[in-house]
């Protein structure tokens, strides 16, 4: 798959500014995701407002710009895949690997990041590969579930099928996914 095709399937985040009414400017963080209904217009994307505020442009210019800067930071994280719940794998110099689940969200005026779970695997352990792979799949499932729950809470979901569309392999358990991974080795 060409890089441009891959980018067409990933959500993009951007900050928008539009005049709400005379003298009021709305600043919003928008998540644009590819349509899931398989319509022929592949270039069309669903727009979800993640966060927004309206300001009196003449009187709240400093607050408006500070809020927009925070939304820009959130958009950068979103475009890197580090907004919402996500998993990071961090090798260390001593041969160990840490697998960590983080959650980063925009809360009102600031970005918040919280470490939810972490485990360190020593490469010298006999079952390090299997144990770390199982833990990684478990955390990825948790991250996907948390992201679906947050999205459902923050926007109107038209039907139950749209939540299931995020994870087409959701019916497999972590053990089933690990077995599939091990078959590929």
N, C-alpha and C. Protein backbone atom coordinates (compact mmCIF):
# COMPACT_ATOMS: atom_id res chain seq x y z
N UNK A 1 0.84 -1.17 0.00
CA UNK A 1 0.00 0.00 0.00
C UNK A 1 0.89 1.24 0.00
N UNK A 2 0.60 2.15 -0.87
CA UNK A 2 1.38 3.37 -0.98
C UNK A 2 1.14 4.24 0.25
N UNK A 3 2.14 5.05 0.66
CA UNK A 3 1.98 5.89 1.84
C UNK A 3 0.76 6.80 1.77
N UNK A 4 0.44 7.32 0.59
CA UNK A 4 -0.72 8.19 0.49
C UNK A 4 -2.00 7.42 0.74
N UNK A 5 -2.06 6.15 0.32
CA UNK A 5 -3.24 5.34 0.60
C UNK A 5 -3.38 5.07 2.09
N UNK A 6 -2.26 4.82 2.76
CA UNK A 6 -2.28 4.58 4.20
C UNK A 6 -2.76 5.81 4.94
N UNK A 7 -2.28 6.99 4.54
CA UNK A 7 -2.69 8.23 5.19
C UNK A 7 -4.17 8.50 5.00
N UNK A 8 -4.75 8.02 3.92
CA UNK A 8 -6.17 8.23 3.68
C UNK A 8 -7.02 7.42 4.64
N UNK A 9 -6.46 6.38 5.26
CA UNK A 9 -7.23 5.54 6.17
C UNK A 9 -7.05 5.93 7.64
N UNK A 10 -6.11 6.79 7.95
CA UNK A 10 -5.85 7.20 9.33
C UNK A 10 -6.62 8.47 9.66
N UNK A 11 -7.05 8.61 10.92
CA UNK A 11 -7.69 9.87 11.30
C UNK A 11 -6.67 11.00 11.32
N UNK A 12 -7.11 12.19 10.99
CA UNK A 12 -6.27 13.38 11.05
C UNK A 12 -6.91 14.37 12.02
N UNK A 13 -6.07 15.12 12.70
CA UNK A 13 -6.55 16.13 13.65
C UNK A 13 -6.13 17.49 13.14
N UNK A 14 -7.03 18.47 13.30
CA UNK A 14 -6.70 19.84 12.92
C UNK A 14 -7.47 20.80 13.79
N UNK A 15 -6.98 22.02 13.87
CA UNK A 15 -7.64 23.07 14.65
C UNK A 15 -8.35 23.99 13.67
N UNK A 16 -9.60 24.28 13.96
CA UNK A 16 -10.38 25.17 13.10
C UNK A 16 -10.79 26.41 13.89
N UNK A 17 -10.97 27.48 13.15
CA UNK A 17 -11.48 28.73 13.73
C UNK A 17 -12.59 29.21 12.80
N UNK A 18 -13.72 29.51 13.37
CA UNK A 18 -14.79 30.06 12.54
C UNK A 18 -15.64 31.02 13.37
N UNK A 19 -16.18 32.00 12.67
CA UNK A 19 -17.02 33.00 13.33
C UNK A 19 -18.36 32.35 13.64
N UNK A 20 -18.72 32.36 14.91
CA UNK A 20 -19.97 31.77 15.36
C UNK A 20 -21.12 32.75 15.11
N UNK A 21 -20.94 33.94 15.55
CA UNK A 21 -21.89 35.04 15.34
C UNK A 21 -21.06 36.32 15.46
N UNK A 22 -21.67 37.41 15.23
CA UNK A 22 -20.94 38.69 15.20
C UNK A 22 -20.09 38.87 16.46
N UNK A 23 -18.78 38.92 16.27
CA UNK A 23 -17.86 39.18 17.37
C UNK A 23 -17.43 37.96 18.15
N UNK A 24 -17.96 36.78 17.84
CA UNK A 24 -17.62 35.57 18.57
C UNK A 24 -16.92 34.58 17.64
N UNK A 25 -15.77 34.09 18.09
CA UNK A 25 -14.98 33.16 17.30
C UNK A 25 -14.93 31.81 18.00
N UNK A 26 -15.26 30.75 17.27
CA UNK A 26 -15.22 29.39 17.83
C UNK A 26 -13.92 28.72 17.38
N UNK A 27 -13.18 28.17 18.34
CA UNK A 27 -11.94 27.44 18.09
C UNK A 27 -12.22 25.99 18.46
N UNK A 28 -11.88 25.05 17.55
CA UNK A 28 -12.21 23.65 17.79
C UNK A 28 -11.09 22.73 17.33
N UNK A 29 -10.97 21.61 18.03
CA UNK A 29 -10.10 20.51 17.61
C UNK A 29 -11.00 19.50 16.93
N UNK A 30 -10.70 19.22 15.66
CA UNK A 30 -11.55 18.35 14.85
C UNK A 30 -10.76 17.11 14.45
N UNK A 31 -11.40 15.97 14.62
CA UNK A 31 -10.83 14.69 14.18
C UNK A 31 -11.55 14.30 12.90
N UNK A 32 -10.78 14.14 11.84
CA UNK A 32 -11.34 13.73 10.55
C UNK A 32 -10.96 12.28 10.32
N UNK A 33 -11.96 11.43 10.20
CA UNK A 33 -11.72 10.00 10.00
C UNK A 33 -12.36 9.58 8.68
N UNK A 34 -11.78 8.59 8.01
CA UNK A 34 -12.39 8.10 6.78
C UNK A 34 -13.78 7.58 7.06
N UNK A 35 -14.66 7.75 6.10
CA UNK A 35 -16.02 7.22 6.25
C UNK A 35 -15.98 5.72 6.36
N UNK A 36 -16.84 5.19 7.22
CA UNK A 36 -16.90 3.75 7.42
C UNK A 36 -18.05 3.10 6.67
N UNK A 37 -18.84 3.90 5.98
CA UNK A 37 -20.01 3.34 5.32
C UNK A 37 -19.75 2.92 3.88
N UNK A 38 -18.51 2.95 3.43
CA UNK A 38 -18.07 2.46 2.12
C UNK A 38 -18.80 3.12 0.95
N UNK A 39 -19.08 4.40 1.09
CA UNK A 39 -19.67 5.12 -0.04
C UNK A 39 -18.60 5.36 -1.10
N UNK A 40 -19.01 5.52 -2.36
CA UNK A 40 -18.02 5.70 -3.42
C UNK A 40 -17.13 6.93 -3.26
N UNK A 41 -17.61 7.96 -2.59
CA UNK A 41 -16.80 9.17 -2.41
C UNK A 41 -15.75 8.92 -1.35
N UNK A 42 -14.65 8.29 -1.74
CA UNK A 42 -13.61 7.89 -0.78
C UNK A 42 -12.93 9.09 -0.12
N UNK A 43 -12.95 10.24 -0.77
CA UNK A 43 -12.28 11.41 -0.22
C UNK A 43 -13.07 12.03 0.93
N UNK A 44 -14.35 11.66 1.09
CA UNK A 44 -15.14 12.21 2.16
C UNK A 44 -14.70 11.64 3.50
N UNK A 45 -14.74 12.48 4.52
CA UNK A 45 -14.31 12.06 5.84
C UNK A 45 -15.35 12.50 6.85
N UNK A 46 -15.51 11.70 7.92
CA UNK A 46 -16.38 12.08 9.02
C UNK A 46 -15.63 13.06 9.91
N UNK A 47 -16.32 14.08 10.37
CA UNK A 47 -15.72 15.09 11.24
C UNK A 47 -16.31 14.97 12.64
N UNK A 48 -15.44 14.86 13.63
CA UNK A 48 -15.86 14.77 15.01
C UNK A 48 -15.17 15.90 15.77
N UNK A 49 -15.95 16.72 16.45
CA UNK A 49 -15.39 17.80 17.25
C UNK A 49 -14.97 17.22 18.59
N UNK A 50 -13.67 17.26 18.86
CA UNK A 50 -13.12 16.70 20.10
C UNK A 50 -13.23 17.71 21.24
N UNK A 51 -12.96 18.97 20.94
CA UNK A 51 -13.03 20.02 21.95
C UNK A 51 -13.29 21.34 21.24
N UNK A 52 -14.02 22.24 21.91
CA UNK A 52 -14.27 23.56 21.31
C UNK A 52 -14.66 24.56 22.37
N UNK A 53 -14.39 25.82 22.06
CA UNK A 53 -14.81 26.94 22.91
C UNK A 53 -15.08 28.13 22.02
N UNK A 54 -15.95 28.98 22.50
CA UNK A 54 -16.27 30.21 21.78
C UNK A 54 -15.76 31.39 22.61
N UNK A 55 -15.13 32.34 21.91
CA UNK A 55 -14.54 33.50 22.57
C UNK A 55 -15.08 34.78 21.95
N UNK A 56 -15.12 35.83 22.76
CA UNK A 56 -15.39 37.17 22.22
C UNK A 56 -14.05 37.64 21.67
N UNK A 57 -13.93 37.68 20.38
CA UNK A 57 -12.65 37.90 19.72
C UNK A 57 -11.95 39.19 20.14
N UNK A 58 -12.68 40.26 20.34
CA UNK A 58 -12.04 41.54 20.69
C UNK A 58 -11.59 41.59 22.14
N UNK A 59 -12.25 40.86 23.03
CA UNK A 59 -11.98 41.00 24.46
C UNK A 59 -11.21 39.82 25.06
N UNK A 60 -11.21 38.70 24.39
CA UNK A 60 -10.57 37.50 24.94
C UNK A 60 -9.49 36.96 23.99
N UNK A 61 -8.79 37.85 23.36
CA UNK A 61 -7.80 37.44 22.37
C UNK A 61 -6.69 36.59 22.98
N UNK A 62 -6.19 36.98 24.16
CA UNK A 62 -5.13 36.22 24.81
C UNK A 62 -5.61 34.81 25.15
N UNK A 63 -6.79 34.69 25.74
CA UNK A 63 -7.35 33.39 26.10
C UNK A 63 -7.60 32.54 24.85
N UNK A 64 -8.10 33.18 23.80
CA UNK A 64 -8.35 32.48 22.53
C UNK A 64 -7.06 31.87 21.99
N UNK A 65 -5.99 32.66 21.95
CA UNK A 65 -4.72 32.17 21.40
C UNK A 65 -4.10 31.10 22.29
N UNK A 66 -4.22 31.23 23.60
CA UNK A 66 -3.69 30.20 24.50
C UNK A 66 -4.44 28.89 24.30
N UNK A 67 -5.75 28.97 24.18
CA UNK A 67 -6.57 27.78 23.96
C UNK A 67 -6.22 27.14 22.60
N UNK A 68 -6.09 27.96 21.58
CA UNK A 68 -5.75 27.45 20.25
C UNK A 68 -4.37 26.76 20.26
N UNK A 69 -3.43 27.32 21.02
CA UNK A 69 -2.10 26.70 21.11
C UNK A 69 -2.18 25.33 21.77
N UNK A 70 -2.99 25.21 22.81
CA UNK A 70 -3.17 23.91 23.46
C UNK A 70 -3.83 22.91 22.49
N UNK A 71 -4.80 23.36 21.72
CA UNK A 71 -5.44 22.49 20.73
C UNK A 71 -4.45 22.06 19.65
N UNK A 72 -3.55 22.96 19.27
CA UNK A 72 -2.51 22.61 18.28
C UNK A 72 -1.62 21.49 18.83
N UNK A 73 -1.25 21.60 20.11
CA UNK A 73 -0.45 20.53 20.73
C UNK A 73 -1.22 19.21 20.71
N UNK A 74 -2.51 19.27 21.04
CA UNK A 74 -3.34 18.06 21.02
C UNK A 74 -3.42 17.49 19.61
N UNK A 75 -3.54 18.35 18.61
CA UNK A 75 -3.60 17.89 17.21
C UNK A 75 -2.30 17.21 16.81
N UNK A 76 -1.17 17.77 17.23
CA UNK A 76 0.13 17.15 16.93
C UNK A 76 0.20 15.75 17.53
N UNK A 77 -0.22 15.60 18.78
CA UNK A 77 -0.23 14.29 19.42
C UNK A 77 -1.18 13.35 18.69
N UNK A 78 -2.34 13.85 18.30
CA UNK A 78 -3.30 13.03 17.57
C UNK A 78 -2.74 12.53 16.25
N UNK A 79 -2.05 13.38 15.54
CA UNK A 79 -1.47 12.98 14.25
C UNK A 79 -0.28 12.05 14.40
N UNK A 80 0.34 12.05 15.59
CA UNK A 80 1.44 11.10 15.86
C UNK A 80 0.93 9.79 16.47
N UNK A 81 -0.36 9.75 16.81
CA UNK A 81 -0.93 8.55 17.42
C UNK A 81 -0.78 8.49 18.92
N UNK A 82 -0.46 9.62 19.54
CA UNK A 82 -0.27 9.64 20.99
C UNK A 82 -1.32 10.51 21.69
N UNK A 83 -2.52 10.54 21.14
CA UNK A 83 -3.66 11.19 21.78
C UNK A 83 -4.69 10.10 22.04
N UNK A 84 -5.27 10.10 23.22
CA UNK A 84 -6.16 9.01 23.59
C UNK A 84 -5.34 7.97 24.33
N UNK A 85 -5.80 6.73 24.28
CA UNK A 85 -5.05 5.64 24.91
C UNK A 85 -4.13 5.03 23.87
N UNK A 86 -2.87 4.79 24.26
CA UNK A 86 -1.89 4.24 23.34
C UNK A 86 -0.84 3.46 24.12
N UNK A 87 -0.15 2.59 23.42
CA UNK A 87 0.86 1.73 24.04
C UNK A 87 2.22 2.10 23.48
N UNK A 88 3.21 2.20 24.36
CA UNK A 88 4.59 2.44 23.94
C UNK A 88 5.46 1.30 24.42
N UNK A 89 6.41 0.91 23.58
CA UNK A 89 7.40 -0.12 23.91
C UNK A 89 8.74 0.58 23.97
N UNK A 90 9.40 0.48 25.13
CA UNK A 90 10.65 1.21 25.34
C UNK A 90 11.76 0.25 25.75
N UNK A 91 12.73 0.02 24.86
CA UNK A 91 13.88 -0.81 25.25
C UNK A 91 14.84 0.00 26.13
N UNK A 92 15.53 -0.69 27.02
CA UNK A 92 16.51 0.00 27.87
C UNK A 92 17.90 -0.55 27.55
N UNK A 93 18.89 0.15 28.04
CA UNK A 93 20.27 -0.23 27.76
C UNK A 93 20.67 -1.55 28.41
N UNK A 94 19.98 -1.94 29.49
CA UNK A 94 20.34 -3.17 30.20
C UNK A 94 19.67 -4.42 29.62
N UNK A 95 19.02 -4.29 28.48
CA UNK A 95 18.42 -5.45 27.82
C UNK A 95 16.99 -5.72 28.20
N UNK A 96 16.38 -4.87 28.98
CA UNK A 96 14.98 -5.04 29.35
C UNK A 96 14.10 -4.21 28.42
N UNK A 97 12.83 -4.55 28.39
CA UNK A 97 11.86 -3.82 27.58
C UNK A 97 10.67 -3.49 28.47
N UNK A 98 10.23 -2.23 28.40
CA UNK A 98 9.05 -1.80 29.14
C UNK A 98 7.90 -1.63 28.17
N UNK A 99 6.74 -2.17 28.55
CA UNK A 99 5.52 -2.02 27.76
C UNK A 99 4.56 -1.21 28.63
N UNK A 100 4.13 -0.04 28.12
CA UNK A 100 3.37 0.89 28.94
C UNK A 100 2.13 1.37 28.22
N UNK A 101 1.02 1.43 28.94
CA UNK A 101 -0.24 1.99 28.45
C UNK A 101 -0.39 3.40 29.00
N UNK A 102 -0.55 4.36 28.10
CA UNK A 102 -0.75 5.76 28.48
C UNK A 102 -2.12 6.22 28.00
N UNK A 103 -2.60 7.28 28.62
CA UNK A 103 -3.81 7.94 28.14
C UNK A 103 -3.55 9.44 28.15
N UNK A 104 -3.72 10.07 27.00
CA UNK A 104 -3.52 11.51 26.88
C UNK A 104 -4.78 12.11 26.26
N UNK A 105 -5.37 13.06 26.99
CA UNK A 105 -6.58 13.71 26.50
C UNK A 105 -6.52 15.19 26.78
N UNK A 106 -7.27 15.92 26.00
CA UNK A 106 -7.42 17.34 26.23
C UNK A 106 -8.56 17.52 27.22
N UNK A 107 -8.24 18.09 28.38
CA UNK A 107 -9.25 18.27 29.43
C UNK A 107 -9.48 19.75 29.66
N UNK A 108 -10.46 20.29 29.02
CA UNK A 108 -10.85 21.68 29.23
C UNK A 108 -9.90 22.70 28.66
N UNK A 109 -8.76 22.86 29.29
CA UNK A 109 -7.80 23.87 28.85
C UNK A 109 -6.39 23.32 28.64
N UNK A 110 -6.12 22.10 29.10
CA UNK A 110 -4.76 21.57 29.03
C UNK A 110 -4.76 20.10 28.62
N UNK A 111 -3.63 19.66 28.10
CA UNK A 111 -3.43 18.24 27.83
C UNK A 111 -3.08 17.55 29.14
N UNK A 112 -3.63 16.39 29.34
CA UNK A 112 -3.32 15.57 30.50
C UNK A 112 -2.80 14.24 30.00
N UNK A 113 -1.76 13.73 30.64
CA UNK A 113 -1.21 12.41 30.29
C UNK A 113 -1.07 11.60 31.57
N UNK A 114 -1.54 10.37 31.49
CA UNK A 114 -1.51 9.50 32.66
C UNK A 114 -0.99 8.12 32.24
N UNK A 115 -0.11 7.57 33.05
CA UNK A 115 0.37 6.21 32.83
C UNK A 115 -0.61 5.28 33.53
N UNK A 116 -1.24 4.39 32.76
CA UNK A 116 -2.28 3.51 33.31
C UNK A 116 -1.75 2.15 33.71
N UNK A 117 -0.79 1.63 32.97
CA UNK A 117 -0.24 0.30 33.27
C UNK A 117 1.16 0.21 32.67
N UNK A 118 2.04 -0.52 33.33
CA UNK A 118 3.38 -0.69 32.82
C UNK A 118 3.97 -1.98 33.38
N UNK A 119 4.76 -2.60 32.55
CA UNK A 119 5.45 -3.82 32.99
C UNK A 119 6.79 -3.90 32.27
N UNK A 120 7.77 -4.37 33.00
CA UNK A 120 9.13 -4.47 32.47
C UNK A 120 9.46 -5.95 32.27
N UNK A 121 10.03 -6.27 31.13
CA UNK A 121 10.39 -7.64 30.80
C UNK A 121 11.89 -7.72 30.58
N UNK A 122 12.52 -8.61 31.32
CA UNK A 122 13.96 -8.82 31.21
C UNK A 122 14.23 -9.81 30.08
N UNK A 123 15.11 -9.47 29.18
CA UNK A 123 15.40 -10.32 28.03
C UNK A 123 16.01 -11.66 28.43
N UNK A 124 16.57 -11.75 29.64
CA UNK A 124 17.18 -12.99 30.10
C UNK A 124 16.15 -14.03 30.56
N UNK A 125 14.91 -13.60 30.77
CA UNK A 125 13.88 -14.53 31.21
C UNK A 125 13.54 -15.50 30.08
N UNK A 126 13.24 -16.75 30.46
CA UNK A 126 12.93 -17.77 29.47
C UNK A 126 11.69 -17.45 28.65
N UNK A 127 10.66 -16.95 29.29
CA UNK A 127 9.39 -16.71 28.60
C UNK A 127 9.17 -15.22 28.29
N UNK A 128 10.23 -14.46 28.17
CA UNK A 128 10.11 -13.01 27.98
C UNK A 128 9.37 -12.66 26.70
N UNK A 129 9.64 -13.36 25.61
CA UNK A 129 8.99 -13.05 24.34
C UNK A 129 7.50 -13.30 24.42
N UNK A 130 7.12 -14.46 24.91
CA UNK A 130 5.70 -14.82 25.00
C UNK A 130 4.98 -13.91 25.99
N UNK A 131 5.56 -13.71 27.16
CA UNK A 131 4.92 -12.89 28.19
C UNK A 131 4.77 -11.44 27.72
N UNK A 132 5.79 -10.90 27.08
CA UNK A 132 5.70 -9.51 26.62
C UNK A 132 4.71 -9.38 25.47
N UNK A 133 4.65 -10.36 24.59
CA UNK A 133 3.69 -10.32 23.48
C UNK A 133 2.26 -10.40 24.01
N UNK A 134 2.01 -11.27 25.00
CA UNK A 134 0.67 -11.36 25.59
C UNK A 134 0.28 -10.05 26.26
N UNK A 135 1.22 -9.46 26.98
CA UNK A 135 0.94 -8.21 27.68
C UNK A 135 0.70 -7.07 26.69
N UNK A 136 1.50 -7.04 25.62
CA UNK A 136 1.33 -6.02 24.60
C UNK A 136 -0.06 -6.10 23.98
N UNK A 137 -0.49 -7.29 23.60
CA UNK A 137 -1.81 -7.46 22.99
C UNK A 137 -2.91 -7.06 23.99
N UNK A 138 -2.73 -7.43 25.25
CA UNK A 138 -3.71 -7.07 26.29
C UNK A 138 -3.83 -5.55 26.41
N UNK A 139 -2.69 -4.85 26.45
CA UNK A 139 -2.72 -3.39 26.58
C UNK A 139 -3.28 -2.73 25.32
N UNK A 140 -2.96 -3.27 24.15
CA UNK A 140 -3.52 -2.72 22.91
C UNK A 140 -5.03 -2.86 22.89
N UNK A 141 -5.53 -3.98 23.37
CA UNK A 141 -6.99 -4.18 23.47
C UNK A 141 -7.60 -3.17 24.44
N UNK A 142 -6.94 -2.97 25.58
CA UNK A 142 -7.44 -2.00 26.55
C UNK A 142 -7.45 -0.60 25.96
N UNK A 143 -6.39 -0.23 25.24
CA UNK A 143 -6.31 1.10 24.63
C UNK A 143 -7.43 1.28 23.61
N UNK A 144 -7.63 0.29 22.76
CA UNK A 144 -8.69 0.39 21.75
C UNK A 144 -10.06 0.51 22.41
N UNK A 145 -10.28 -0.25 23.46
CA UNK A 145 -11.56 -0.21 24.16
C UNK A 145 -11.77 1.15 24.83
N UNK A 146 -10.76 1.67 25.47
CA UNK A 146 -10.87 2.98 26.13
C UNK A 146 -11.12 4.08 25.10
N UNK A 147 -10.45 3.99 23.95
CA UNK A 147 -10.65 5.00 22.90
C UNK A 147 -12.08 4.94 22.36
N UNK A 148 -12.60 3.74 22.18
CA UNK A 148 -13.99 3.60 21.70
C UNK A 148 -14.97 4.16 22.73
N UNK A 149 -14.73 3.88 24.01
CA UNK A 149 -15.61 4.38 25.05
C UNK A 149 -15.59 5.90 25.12
N UNK A 150 -14.41 6.48 25.02
CA UNK A 150 -14.32 7.94 25.09
C UNK A 150 -14.98 8.58 23.88
N UNK A 151 -14.77 8.00 22.71
CA UNK A 151 -15.40 8.54 21.50
C UNK A 151 -16.92 8.44 21.60
N UNK A 152 -17.42 7.33 22.11
CA UNK A 152 -18.86 7.15 22.26
C UNK A 152 -19.43 8.17 23.24
N UNK A 153 -18.68 8.49 24.29
CA UNK A 153 -19.15 9.45 25.28
C UNK A 153 -19.11 10.88 24.76
N UNK A 154 -18.20 11.17 23.82
CA UNK A 154 -18.01 12.54 23.36
C UNK A 154 -18.78 12.91 22.10
N UNK A 155 -19.37 11.96 21.44
CA UNK A 155 -20.07 12.29 20.20
C UNK A 155 -21.28 11.38 20.02
N UNK A 156 -22.15 11.75 19.12
CA UNK A 156 -23.31 10.92 18.81
C UNK A 156 -22.86 9.77 17.94
N UNK A 157 -23.14 8.55 18.40
CA UNK A 157 -22.86 7.38 17.58
C UNK A 157 -24.16 7.00 16.91
N UNK A 158 -24.15 6.95 15.60
CA UNK A 158 -25.39 6.72 14.86
C UNK A 158 -25.98 5.35 15.10
N UNK A 159 -25.11 4.34 15.21
CA UNK A 159 -25.60 2.99 15.49
C UNK A 159 -24.50 2.18 16.15
N UNK A 160 -24.84 1.06 16.69
CA UNK A 160 -23.87 0.23 17.41
C UNK A 160 -22.79 -0.32 16.51
N UNK A 161 -23.07 -0.45 15.21
CA UNK A 161 -22.09 -1.00 14.28
C UNK A 161 -20.88 -0.10 14.12
N UNK A 162 -21.04 1.22 14.28
CA UNK A 162 -19.90 2.11 14.07
C UNK A 162 -18.82 1.90 15.12
N UNK A 163 -19.19 1.55 16.34
CA UNK A 163 -18.18 1.28 17.37
C UNK A 163 -17.43 0.00 17.06
N UNK A 164 -18.11 -1.01 16.53
CA UNK A 164 -17.45 -2.27 16.19
C UNK A 164 -16.55 -2.11 14.98
N UNK A 165 -16.80 -1.12 14.15
CA UNK A 165 -16.00 -0.94 12.94
C UNK A 165 -14.56 -0.54 13.27
N UNK A 166 -14.29 0.02 14.48
CA UNK A 166 -12.93 0.39 14.86
C UNK A 166 -12.02 -0.82 15.00
N UNK A 167 -12.58 -1.95 15.37
CA UNK A 167 -11.78 -3.13 15.68
C UNK A 167 -12.36 -4.36 15.00
N UNK A 168 -12.10 -4.54 13.68
CA UNK A 168 -12.70 -5.65 12.99
C UNK A 168 -12.26 -7.00 13.53
N UNK A 169 -11.11 -7.08 14.17
CA UNK A 169 -10.63 -8.34 14.73
C UNK A 169 -10.99 -8.45 16.20
N UNK A 170 -11.91 -7.64 16.66
CA UNK A 170 -12.26 -7.58 18.07
C UNK A 170 -12.79 -8.87 18.65
N UNK A 171 -13.24 -9.78 17.81
CA UNK A 171 -13.79 -11.03 18.32
C UNK A 171 -12.70 -11.98 18.81
N UNK A 172 -11.46 -11.75 18.38
CA UNK A 172 -10.37 -12.60 18.84
C UNK A 172 -9.93 -12.21 20.24
N UNK A 173 -9.62 -13.18 21.05
CA UNK A 173 -9.10 -12.89 22.38
C UNK A 173 -7.61 -12.57 22.27
N UNK A 174 -7.03 -12.10 23.35
CA UNK A 174 -5.60 -11.82 23.35
C UNK A 174 -4.81 -13.09 23.05
N UNK A 175 -5.25 -14.21 23.60
CA UNK A 175 -4.55 -15.46 23.35
C UNK A 175 -4.65 -15.85 21.88
N UNK A 176 -5.80 -15.61 21.28
CA UNK A 176 -5.96 -15.91 19.85
C UNK A 176 -5.05 -15.06 18.99
N UNK A 177 -4.92 -13.79 19.35
CA UNK A 177 -4.02 -12.91 18.59
C UNK A 177 -2.57 -13.33 18.77
N UNK A 178 -2.21 -13.70 20.00
CA UNK A 178 -0.84 -14.15 20.24
C UNK A 178 -0.55 -15.40 19.42
N UNK A 179 -1.51 -16.32 19.37
CA UNK A 179 -1.32 -17.54 18.57
C UNK A 179 -1.11 -17.18 17.10
N UNK A 180 -1.87 -16.20 16.61
CA UNK A 180 -1.69 -15.77 15.22
C UNK A 180 -0.31 -15.17 15.01
N UNK A 181 0.16 -14.37 15.98
CA UNK A 181 1.49 -13.78 15.88
C UNK A 181 2.58 -14.85 15.87
N UNK A 182 2.43 -15.82 16.75
CA UNK A 182 3.43 -16.88 16.84
C UNK A 182 3.46 -17.74 15.58
N UNK A 183 2.32 -17.90 14.92
CA UNK A 183 2.30 -18.66 13.66
C UNK A 183 3.12 -17.98 12.59
N UNK A 184 3.17 -16.66 12.64
CA UNK A 184 3.92 -15.89 11.63
C UNK A 184 5.42 -15.95 11.84
N UNK A 185 5.86 -16.29 13.06
CA UNK A 185 7.30 -16.33 13.36
C UNK A 185 8.00 -17.49 12.73
